[in-house]
Amino acid sequence: MIQIITQSFKRFFKLEAASGLVLLFSAIVALIISNSELSNFYFNTLEKYIFIGINNFGLKLSIIHWINDVLMAIFFFFVTLEIKREFIQGELSNIKQAMLPIIAAVGGMLVPALIYIFINLGNSQTLNGWAIPSATDIAFSLGVLSLLGKRVPLSLKVFLTALAIIDDLGAIVIIALFYSGDLNIKYLTLMLLAFIILLVINKFNIKKFLPYLIVGIFLWDFTHNSGVHATIAGVLLAMTIPHRKNEKDFSLLIKIEHTISPYVAFGIMPLFAFANAGVSLEGLSISSLLDNVPLGIVLGLFVGKQLGVFIFSYVSIKLKVAQMPNNSNWFNFYGVGILTGIGFTMSLFVGNLAFVENIQYLDGVKIGVLTGSLLSTLTGYFLILLTPNK
């Protein structure tokens, strides 16, 4: 499928793989603390408000909202930079190369959503979480692949990376379309105006980040007040950062991406995991997992993702619409499909948006995401481990 592997991809894989291990550690620490004598301190601290600004000019948010609305806007900015680069000159720029991960990603988003919807039919409140099991956590999934070393052909690592990037794009679209609040026309207009200014700056091919950053800060504030989720500001800003396909001397997009990637991978994402993975396990039982929300998420991630990815991929390969990744077989390919059920970061994020007005379901979201991701991790890892290389 994909024959040309660039040095930038190899660096990216190493970064994401290491980040996945840090994410795992952060989630485990959060679970331990939230089930210890420090649990009240943990949850109360996340709800404390912090003001940043001067006099009446500034922003006051709880710590959890500083993480989920502000820092995650930077995360989405970074993700969109990756997506833009991949579509301009990366693995997704060639439609023949991109066809398999695109088709697999569609199946991996559609089938889990349908499973969740089927389980939650008749309950309008829980039905709102239909998109939670549709996302793949690229750092976690690549982190697991890194533990398998040379047992996984590089073509499958590229396939998983491309699939997860397309998943992220799908999640961004879903958040923008389905998880926005009541819209404020005034701030929507200001948001559009700020975006147009960014496009003008891009049109003049300005290669200094400061003008984009200044307008981007205003764009975030307008988006935050518009009813559209604030993280979309990061997406819009990234779309305007210049990068030309034949640019040989300097790319502002690549420079920014390389500069902030360590901070996103080893700072923002672990902090998000630590702040959002904490859940009290007191009174947890098998019956708890049979509640509609966690059951829909577990089955969506663990069953829906692997079936959606594999079936859509299998059909497309047999119909010669797409090509099988080089040096792979159906067993390790299926194992990678199971690993796409590691939702974690994006699934938790979508869960927070889906139940922002029904917080009684958030513990079920966390339990479902953690359980589904754990099952996918263990099953995918051991299937690939026990699969002959040839």
Foldseek 3Di string as FASTA:
>chain_A
DDDDDDPVVVVVLVLLLVLLVLLVVLLVVLAVCCADPNVVVLVVQQQDWDWDDPDPPTDIHGNLCCQLFPVVLLVLLLLLLVVVCCCQANQNVDVQSLVLLLLLLVLLQPQLLVLLCVLPPPPPQLNLLSRLQSAFRLSNLSNLVVVLPVLDPVLLNVSLNSNRSVRSVVLLVCLQPRLFADFDPVLVVVLVVLLVVLLVCLVVVDLDCVVLVVSLVSNLVSCVPGRRRSSVSSNSSSVSQDDHSPDDPDGSSVVVSVVCSNCVSNPSSSVNSNSQLRAHCVPPDPVLCVPSNLVSNLCSLQPSQLCSSLVSSVVCCVVVVHHDGPLDDSQLSSLSSLQSSLGPPSSLSSLCSSCVVPCVCSNSSSNSNVNNNVNSSVVSSVSSNPDDSD
